[in-house]
């Protein structure tokens, strides 16, 4: 699986796969964690393509957020579609993550955090 990433200043934008499930979690996590070595600890997940989630995928998001925060960074979410919004609401992840409509808004929010 190929996870598309982009860097805007000191913010990593990672496009999540269509299915954020147990089968995809290892590749997804490896891609993101590799970026930590280059100092990228401000991360935006662009989730507009993701339509299927399971507990492993949601746990991976929480683990990633915890790891980033322990390193002084943060994880923000953008582009959630309707299925993702519903899942985030039901699981109360919408209270754990900063959620933005667009990547631009999410990336810009890191500047206002400083």
C-alpha atoms as a PDB file:
ATOM      1  CA  UNK A   1       0.000   0.000   0.000  1.00  0.00           C
ATOM      2  CA  UNK A   2       1.275   3.421  -0.900  1.00  0.00           C
ATOM      3  CA  UNK A   3       0.357   6.283   1.441  1.00  0.00           C
ATOM      4  CA  UNK A   4       0.628   9.633  -0.321  1.00  0.00           C
ATOM      5  CA  UNK A   5       2.287  12.322   1.807  1.00  0.00           C
ATOM      6  CA  UNK A   6       3.122  15.987   1.313  1.00  0.00           C
ATOM      7  CA  UNK A   7       5.023  18.472   3.439  1.00  0.00           C
ATOM      8  CA  UNK A   8       3.918  22.071   3.917  1.00  0.00           C
ATOM      9  CA  UNK A   9       6.547  23.933   5.927  1.00  0.00           C
ATOM     10  CA  UNK A  10       6.946  21.778   9.023  1.00  0.00           C
ATOM     11  CA  UNK A  11       3.568  20.017   8.676  1.00  0.00           C
ATOM     12  CA  UNK A  12       3.201  16.529   7.216  1.00  0.00           C
ATOM     13  CA  UNK A  13      -0.047  15.850   5.346  1.00  0.00           C
ATOM     14  CA  UNK A  14      -0.813  12.158   4.927  1.00  0.00           C
ATOM     15  CA  UNK A  15      -3.695  10.922   2.783  1.00  0.00           C
ATOM     16  CA  UNK A  16      -5.292   7.958   4.505  1.00  0.00           C
ATOM     17  CA  UNK A  17      -6.235   4.836   2.548  1.00  0.00           C
ATOM     18  CA  UNK A  18      -9.796   4.029   1.475  1.00  0.00           C
ATOM     19  CA  UNK A  19      -9.981   1.402   4.176  1.00  0.00           C
ATOM     20  CA  UNK A  20      -8.451   2.249   7.522  1.00  0.00           C
ATOM     21  CA  UNK A  21      -8.700  -1.295   8.794  1.00  0.00           C
ATOM     22  CA  UNK A  22      -6.514  -3.939  10.384  1.00  0.00           C
ATOM     23  CA  UNK A  23      -5.090  -4.895   6.975  1.00  0.00           C
ATOM     24  CA  UNK A  24      -3.932  -1.336   6.271  1.00  0.00           C
ATOM     25  CA  UNK A  25      -2.796  -0.220   9.723  1.00  0.00           C
ATOM     26  CA  UNK A  26       0.796  -1.515   9.623  1.00  0.00           C
ATOM     27  CA  UNK A  27       1.624   0.136   6.295  1.00  0.00           C
ATOM     28  CA  UNK A  28      -0.115   3.336   7.339  1.00  0.00           C
ATOM     29  CA  UNK A  29       1.701   3.519  10.682  1.00  0.00           C
ATOM     30  CA  UNK A  30       5.088   2.692   9.152  1.00  0.00           C
ATOM     31  CA  UNK A  31       4.714   5.495   6.620  1.00  0.00           C
ATOM     32  CA  UNK A  32       3.874   8.076   9.286  1.00  0.00           C
ATOM     33  CA  UNK A  33       6.381   6.920  11.888  1.00  0.00           C
ATOM     34  CA  UNK A  34       9.211   7.072   9.308  1.00  0.00           C
ATOM     35  CA  UNK A  35       8.558  10.800   9.000  1.00  0.00           C
ATOM     36  CA  UNK A  36       9.258  11.337  12.712  1.00  0.00           C
ATOM     37  CA  UNK A  37      12.956  10.718  12.067  1.00  0.00           C
ATOM     38  CA  UNK A  38      13.102  13.819   9.877  1.00  0.00           C
ATOM     39  CA  UNK A  39      11.489  15.901  12.626  1.00  0.00           C
ATOM     40  CA  UNK A  40       7.961  16.063  11.246  1.00  0.00           C
ATOM     41  CA  UNK A  41       5.757  15.880  14.326  1.00  0.00           C
ATOM     42  CA  UNK A  42       2.904  18.136  13.194  1.00  0.00           C
ATOM     43  CA  UNK A  43       0.614  15.889  11.162  1.00  0.00           C
ATOM     44  CA  UNK A  44      -2.641  16.373   9.285  1.00  0.00           C
ATOM     45  CA  UNK A  45      -4.522  13.307   8.131  1.00  0.00           C
ATOM     46  CA  UNK A  46      -6.492  14.022   4.974  1.00  0.00           C
ATOM     47  CA  UNK A  47      -9.275  11.464   5.314  1.00  0.00           C
ATOM     48  CA  UNK A  48     -11.537  12.323   2.378  1.00  0.00           C
ATOM     49  CA  UNK A  49     -10.878   8.980   0.674  1.00  0.00           C
ATOM     50  CA  UNK A  50     -11.426   6.836   3.764  1.00  0.00           C
ATOM     51  CA  UNK A  51     -14.826   5.211   3.898  1.00  0.00           C
ATOM     52  CA  UNK A  52     -14.268   2.053   5.923  1.00  0.00           C
ATOM     53  CA  UNK A  53     -12.942   1.953   9.473  1.00  0.00           C
ATOM     54  CA  UNK A  54     -12.550  -0.741  12.084  1.00  0.00           C
ATOM     55  CA  UNK A  55     -11.353  -0.750  15.670  1.00  0.00           C
ATOM     56  CA  UNK A  56      -7.732  -1.341  14.633  1.00  0.00           C
ATOM     57  CA  UNK A  57      -7.811   1.688  12.348  1.00  0.00           C
ATOM     58  CA  UNK A  58      -9.365   3.935  14.987  1.00  0.00           C
ATOM     59  CA  UNK A  59      -6.934   2.674  17.632  1.00  0.00           C
ATOM     60  CA  UNK A  60      -4.049   3.440  15.266  1.00  0.00           C
ATOM     61  CA  UNK A  61      -5.255   7.053  15.030  1.00  0.00           C
ATOM     62  CA  UNK A  62      -5.340   7.374  18.819  1.00  0.00           C
ATOM     63  CA  UNK A  63      -1.912   5.740  19.184  1.00  0.00           C
ATOM     64  CA  UNK A  64      -0.481   8.066  16.560  1.00  0.00           C
ATOM     65  CA  UNK A  65      -1.936  11.101  18.322  1.00  0.00           C
ATOM     66  CA  UNK A  66      -0.489   9.949  21.672  1.00  0.00           C
ATOM     67  CA  UNK A  67       2.940   9.372  20.124  1.00  0.00           C
ATOM     68  CA  UNK A  68       2.983  12.758  18.420  1.00  0.00           C
ATOM     69  CA  UNK A  69       1.941  14.546  21.598  1.00  0.00           C
ATOM     70  CA  UNK A  70       4.663  12.759  23.578  1.00  0.00           C
ATOM     71  CA  UNK A  71       7.157  14.216  21.076  1.00  0.00           C
ATOM     72  CA  UNK A  72       5.695  17.728  21.336  1.00  0.00           C
ATOM     73  CA  UNK A  73       3.624  17.480  18.170  1.00  0.00           C
ATOM     74  CA  UNK A  74      -0.015  16.948  17.341  1.00  0.00           C
ATOM     75  CA  UNK A  75      -2.365  15.204  14.946  1.00  0.00           C
ATOM     76  CA  UNK A  76      -5.275  16.917  13.211  1.00  0.00           C
ATOM     77  CA  UNK A  77      -7.883  15.539  10.842  1.00  0.00           C
ATOM     78  CA  UNK A  78      -9.309  17.050   7.664  1.00  0.00           C
ATOM     79  CA  UNK A  79     -11.760  16.107   4.969  1.00  0.00           C
ATOM     80  CA  UNK A  80     -13.850  13.541   6.823  1.00  0.00           C
ATOM     81  CA  UNK A  81     -16.701  12.307   4.675  1.00  0.00           C
ATOM     82  CA  UNK A  82     -20.147  11.572   6.063  1.00  0.00           C
ATOM     83  CA  UNK A  83     -19.355   7.962   7.080  1.00  0.00           C
ATOM     84  CA  UNK A  84     -16.230   9.127   8.900  1.00  0.00           C
ATOM     85  CA  UNK A  85     -18.052  11.956  10.666  1.00  0.00           C
ATOM     86  CA  UNK A  86     -20.697   9.541  11.926  1.00  0.00           C
ATOM     87  CA  UNK A  87     -18.085   7.092  13.183  1.00  0.00           C
ATOM     88  CA  UNK A  88     -16.109   9.858  14.886  1.00  0.00           C
ATOM     89  CA  UNK A  89     -19.300  11.108  16.570  1.00  0.00           C
ATOM     90  CA  UNK A  90     -20.466   7.679  17.743  1.00  0.00           C
ATOM     91  CA  UNK A  91     -17.027   6.775  19.106  1.00  0.00           C
ATOM     92  CA  UNK A  92     -16.535  10.317  20.464  1.00  0.00           C
ATOM     93  CA  UNK A  93     -13.304  10.689  18.530  1.00  0.00           C
ATOM     94  CA  UNK A  94     -14.670  14.041  17.416  1.00  0.00           C
ATOM     95  CA  UNK A  95     -13.896  15.172  20.963  1.00  0.00           C
ATOM     96  CA  UNK A  96     -10.325  13.830  20.848  1.00  0.00           C
ATOM     97  CA  UNK A  97      -9.218  15.281  17.501  1.00  0.00           C
ATOM     98  CA  UNK A  98      -9.229  18.735  15.982  1.00  0.00           C
ATOM     99  CA  UNK A  99     -11.298  18.236  12.818  1.00  0.00           C
ATOM    100  CA  UNK A 100     -11.186  20.609   9.839  1.00  0.00           C
ATOM    101  CA  UNK A 101     -13.080  20.784   6.559  1.00  0.00           C
ATOM    102  CA  UNK A 102      -9.959  21.411   4.477  1.00  0.00           C
ATOM    103  CA  UNK A 103      -6.281  20.564   4.531  1.00  0.00           C
ATOM    104  CA  UNK A 104      -5.448  24.267   4.243  1.00  0.00           C
ATOM    105  CA  UNK A 105      -7.396  25.067   7.407  1.00  0.00           C
ATOM    106  CA  UNK A 106      -5.790  22.176   9.290  1.00  0.00           C
ATOM    107  CA  UNK A 107      -2.237  23.076   8.212  1.00  0.00           C
ATOM    108  CA  UNK A 108      -2.862  26.763   8.993  1.00  0.00           C
ATOM    109  CA  UNK A 109      -4.110  25.889  12.462  1.00  0.00           C
ATOM    110  CA  UNK A 110      -0.614  24.726  13.415  1.00  0.00           C
ATOM    111  CA  UNK A 111       0.627  28.261  12.772  1.00  0.00           C
ATOM    112  CA  UNK A 112      -1.993  29.711  15.091  1.00  0.00           C
ATOM    113  CA  UNK A 113      -1.106  27.136  17.768  1.00  0.00           C
ATOM    114  CA  UNK A 114       2.384  28.638  18.090  1.00  0.00           C
END
